[in-house]
Amino acid sequence: MARIAGIDLPKNKRGEIGLTYIYGIGRSTAQYILDKAEIDHSKKVHEWNDAEQAAIRNIITNEFKVEGQLRSEVQMSIKRLLDIACYRGLRHRKGLPVRGQRTRTNSRTRKGKRKTVAGKKKAPKK
């Protein structure tokens, strides 16, 4: 089992997919890392030898911010927005979508479970 950046990579996945389990590494970054380390993209994680794992580890530590370092940077950016009380910061504070999405119908992920409000009763017909 390969352990890179504090994450145990799934051993039965292709290297390209396995690297995406690390926070901050997506498909294109994983492809770039494997190309630079001269490892075949379709080679499974458990087939990597120690030299290949070391090469991947070196590339990631030297060129990318991943896991804890990246998470703390993102949190600091959000905290900065909250502190200066800009529009985006206020949206973060209220737990609403930040990037201009509609909120009348969607955005349940940010707003959480629906809180039903009793509606106005209709007047009876005469």
C-alpha atoms as a PDB file:
ATOM      1  CA  MET A   1       0.000   0.000   0.000  1.00  0.00           C
ATOM      2  CA  ALA A   2       1.375   3.397  -1.021  1.00  0.00           C
ATOM      3  CA  ARG A   3       1.282   6.180   1.571  1.00  0.00           C
ATOM      4  CA  ILE A   4       1.850   9.610   0.074  1.00  0.00           C
ATOM      5  CA  ALA A   5       1.282  12.972   1.818  1.00  0.00           C
ATOM      6  CA  GLY A   6      -0.204  11.162   4.806  1.00  0.00           C
ATOM      7  CA  ILE A   7      -2.873   9.411   2.719  1.00  0.00           C
ATOM      8  CA  ASP A   8      -3.129   5.670   2.064  1.00  0.00           C
ATOM      9  CA  LEU A   9      -3.790   5.342  -1.655  1.00  0.00           C
ATOM     10  CA  PRO A  10      -6.191   2.578  -2.731  1.00  0.00           C
ATOM     11  CA  LYS A  11      -3.990  -0.204  -4.094  1.00  0.00           C
ATOM     12  CA  ASN A  12      -6.330  -1.632  -6.768  1.00  0.00           C
ATOM     13  CA  LYS A  13      -6.891   1.659  -8.613  1.00  0.00           C
ATOM     14  CA  ARG A  14      -4.888   2.991 -11.538  1.00  0.00           C
ATOM     15  CA  GLY A  15      -2.183   5.451 -10.497  1.00  0.00           C
ATOM     16  CA  GLU A  16      -3.930   8.346 -12.215  1.00  0.00           C
ATOM     17  CA  ILE A  17      -7.092   7.770 -10.136  1.00  0.00           C
ATOM     18  CA  GLY A  18      -5.309   6.764  -6.935  1.00  0.00           C
ATOM     19  CA  LEU A  19      -3.434  10.074  -6.720  1.00  0.00           C
ATOM     20  CA  THR A  20      -6.732  12.001  -6.786  1.00  0.00           C
ATOM     21  CA  TYR A  21      -7.459  10.678  -3.263  1.00  0.00           C
ATOM     22  CA  ILE A  22      -4.957  13.298  -2.067  1.00  0.00           C
ATOM     23  CA  TYR A  23      -6.643  16.642  -1.301  1.00  0.00           C
ATOM     24  CA  GLY A  24      -5.458  19.179  -3.867  1.00  0.00           C
ATOM     25  CA  ILE A  25      -4.642  16.704  -6.648  1.00  0.00           C
ATOM     26  CA  GLY A  26      -7.122  16.217  -9.469  1.00  0.00           C
ATOM     27  CA  ARG A  27      -6.960  14.216 -12.679  1.00  0.00           C
ATOM     28  CA  SER A  28      -4.819  16.629 -14.708  1.00  0.00           C
ATOM     29  CA  THR A  29      -2.369  17.153 -11.831  1.00  0.00           C
ATOM     30  CA  ALA A  30      -2.131  13.387 -11.309  1.00  0.00           C
ATOM     31  CA  GLN A  31      -1.360  12.922 -15.016  1.00  0.00           C
ATOM     32  CA  TYR A  32       1.312  15.632 -14.824  1.00  0.00           C
ATOM     33  CA  ILE A  33       2.921  13.971 -11.777  1.00  0.00           C
ATOM     34  CA  LEU A  34       2.970  10.531 -13.424  1.00  0.00           C
ATOM     35  CA  ASP A  35       4.410  11.981 -16.657  1.00  0.00           C
ATOM     36  CA  LYS A  36       7.149  13.759 -14.756  1.00  0.00           C
ATOM     37  CA  ALA A  37       7.958  10.599 -12.767  1.00  0.00           C
ATOM     38  CA  GLU A  38       7.867   8.617 -16.049  1.00  0.00           C
ATOM     39  CA  ILE A  39       5.271   6.136 -14.796  1.00  0.00           C
ATOM     40  CA  ASP A  40       2.559   4.627 -16.991  1.00  0.00           C
ATOM     41  CA  HIS A  41      -0.893   6.101 -16.202  1.00  0.00           C
ATOM     42  CA  SER A  42      -2.610   2.720 -16.321  1.00  0.00           C
ATOM     43  CA  LYS A  43      -0.180   1.095 -13.870  1.00  0.00           C
ATOM     44  CA  LYS A  44      -1.968   0.204 -10.637  1.00  0.00           C
ATOM     45  CA  VAL A  45      -0.858   1.704  -7.316  1.00  0.00           C
ATOM     46  CA  HIS A  46       0.215  -1.667  -5.851  1.00  0.00           C
ATOM     47  CA  GLU A  47       2.481  -2.230  -8.887  1.00  0.00           C
ATOM     48  CA  TRP A  48       4.592   0.868  -8.102  1.00  0.00           C
ATOM     49  CA  ASN A  49       8.054   0.021  -6.768  1.00  0.00           C
ATOM     50  CA  ASP A  50       9.802   1.994  -4.024  1.00  0.00           C
ATOM     51  CA  ALA A  51      11.743   4.167  -6.469  1.00  0.00           C
ATOM     52  CA  GLU A  52       8.551   5.206  -8.277  1.00  0.00           C
ATOM     53  CA  GLN A  53       6.802   5.996  -4.987  1.00  0.00           C
ATOM     54  CA  ALA A  54       9.767   8.092  -3.893  1.00  0.00           C
ATOM     55  CA  ALA A  55       9.762   9.973  -7.211  1.00  0.00           C
ATOM     56  CA  ILE A  56       6.045  10.749  -6.851  1.00  0.00           C
ATOM     57  CA  ARG A  57       6.546  11.815  -3.220  1.00  0.00           C
ATOM     58  CA  ASN A  58       9.385  14.176  -4.224  1.00  0.00           C
ATOM     59  CA  ILE A  59       7.396  15.774  -7.045  1.00  0.00           C
ATOM     60  CA  ILE A  60       4.378  16.356  -4.796  1.00  0.00           C
ATOM     61  CA  THR A  61       6.364  17.819  -1.886  1.00  0.00           C
ATOM     62  CA  ASN A  62       8.474  20.085  -4.124  1.00  0.00           C
ATOM     63  CA  GLU A  63       5.828  21.404  -6.512  1.00  0.00           C
ATOM     64  CA  PHE A  64       2.384  21.271  -4.868  1.00  0.00           C
ATOM     65  CA  LYS A  65       0.537  22.344  -1.754  1.00  0.00           C
ATOM     66  CA  VAL A  66      -1.593  19.411  -0.662  1.00  0.00           C
ATOM     67  CA  GLU A  67      -3.594  18.170   2.331  1.00  0.00           C
ATOM     68  CA  GLY A  68      -3.051  20.126   5.568  1.00  0.00           C
ATOM     69  CA  GLN A  69      -1.057  22.971   4.062  1.00  0.00           C
ATOM     70  CA  LEU A  70      -3.647  23.563   1.317  1.00  0.00           C
ATOM     71  CA  ARG A  71      -6.620  23.205   3.690  1.00  0.00           C
ATOM     72  CA  SER A  72      -5.141  25.782   6.077  1.00  0.00           C
ATOM     73  CA  GLU A  73      -4.476  28.177   3.183  1.00  0.00           C
ATOM     74  CA  VAL A  74      -8.094  27.877   1.994  1.00  0.00           C
ATOM     75  CA  GLN A  75      -9.369  28.459   5.547  1.00  0.00           C
ATOM     76  CA  MET A  76      -7.128  31.532   5.887  1.00  0.00           C
ATOM     77  CA  SER A  77      -8.512  32.926   2.620  1.00  0.00           C
ATOM     78  CA  ILE A  78     -12.089  32.450   3.850  1.00  0.00           C
ATOM     79  CA  LYS A  79     -11.205  33.993   7.229  1.00  0.00           C
ATOM     80  CA  ARG A  80      -9.721  37.018   5.439  1.00  0.00           C
ATOM     81  CA  LEU A  81     -12.978  37.503   3.513  1.00  0.00           C
ATOM     82  CA  LEU A  82     -14.950  37.240   6.764  1.00  0.00           C
ATOM     83  CA  ASP A  83     -12.674  39.757   8.505  1.00  0.00           C
ATOM     84  CA  ILE A  84     -12.900  42.425   5.801  1.00  0.00           C
ATOM     85  CA  ALA A  85     -16.696  41.878   5.631  1.00  0.00           C
ATOM     86  CA  CYS A  86     -16.855  41.931   1.840  1.00  0.00           C
ATOM     87  CA  TYR A  87     -19.850  40.507  -0.026  1.00  0.00           C
ATOM     88  CA  ARG A  88     -18.259  37.060  -0.361  1.00  0.00           C
ATOM     89  CA  GLY A  89     -17.353  37.109   3.322  1.00  0.00           C
ATOM     90  CA  LEU A  90     -20.941  37.914   4.297  1.00  0.00           C
ATOM     91  CA  ARG A  91     -22.207  35.045   2.129  1.00  0.00           C
ATOM     92  CA  HIS A  92     -19.775  32.676   3.886  1.00  0.00           C
ATOM     93  CA  ARG A  93     -20.930  33.969   7.276  1.00  0.00           C
ATOM     94  CA  LYS A  94     -24.623  33.437   6.421  1.00  0.00           C
ATOM     95  CA  GLY A  95     -23.963  30.005   4.908  1.00  0.00           C
ATOM     96  CA  LEU A  96     -25.300  30.956   1.487  1.00  0.00           C
ATOM     97  CA  PRO A  97     -23.791  30.302  -1.968  1.00  0.00           C
ATOM     98  CA  VAL A  98     -20.829  32.580  -2.602  1.00  0.00           C
ATOM     99  CA  ARG A  99     -20.474  32.524  -6.383  1.00  0.00           C
ATOM    100  CA  GLY A 100     -23.746  33.991  -7.616  1.00  0.00           C
ATOM    101  CA  GLN A 101     -25.906  30.873  -7.757  1.00  0.00           C
ATOM    102  CA  ARG A 102     -29.667  31.214  -7.377  1.00  0.00           C
ATOM    103  CA  THR A 103     -31.086  30.639  -3.900  1.00  0.00           C
ATOM    104  CA  ARG A 104     -34.827  30.714  -4.422  1.00  0.00           C
ATOM    105  CA  THR A 105     -35.054  27.037  -5.334  1.00  0.00           C
ATOM    106  CA  ASN A 106     -31.666  25.329  -5.258  1.00  0.00           C
ATOM    107  CA  SER A 107     -28.621  25.712  -2.953  1.00  0.00           C
ATOM    108  CA  ARG A 108     -29.776  23.103  -0.440  1.00  0.00           C
ATOM    109  CA  THR A 109     -26.173  21.999   0.080  1.00  0.00           C
ATOM    110  CA  ARG A 110     -25.220  25.375   1.541  1.00  0.00           C
ATOM    111  CA  LYS A 111     -28.507  26.170   3.289  1.00  0.00           C
ATOM    112  CA  GLY A 112     -29.070  22.754   4.845  1.00  0.00           C
ATOM    113  CA  LYS A 113     -32.344  20.865   5.301  1.00  0.00           C
ATOM    114  CA  ARG A 114     -35.539  22.756   4.522  1.00  0.00           C
ATOM    115  CA  LYS A 115     -37.126  24.660   7.381  1.00  0.00           C
ATOM    116  CA  THR A 116     -40.811  24.733   6.483  1.00  0.00           C
ATOM    117  CA  VAL A 117     -42.639  27.977   7.218  1.00  0.00           C
ATOM    118  CA  ALA A 118     -46.437  27.852   7.611  1.00  0.00           C
ATOM    119  CA  GLY A 119     -48.122  29.412   4.592  1.00  0.00           C
ATOM    120  CA  LYS A 120     -50.911  31.965   4.521  1.00  0.00           C
ATOM    121  CA  LYS A 121     -54.379  30.352   4.556  1.00  0.00           C
ATOM    122  CA  LYS A 122     -56.591  30.964   1.556  1.00  0.00           C
ATOM    123  CA  ALA A 123     -59.785  32.895   2.119  1.00  0.00           C
ATOM    124  CA  PRO A 124     -62.855  30.651   1.698  1.00  0.00           C
ATOM    125  CA  LYS A 125     -64.943  31.186  -1.449  1.00  0.00           C
ATOM    126  CA  LYS A 126     -68.480  32.550  -1.035  1.00  0.00           C
END
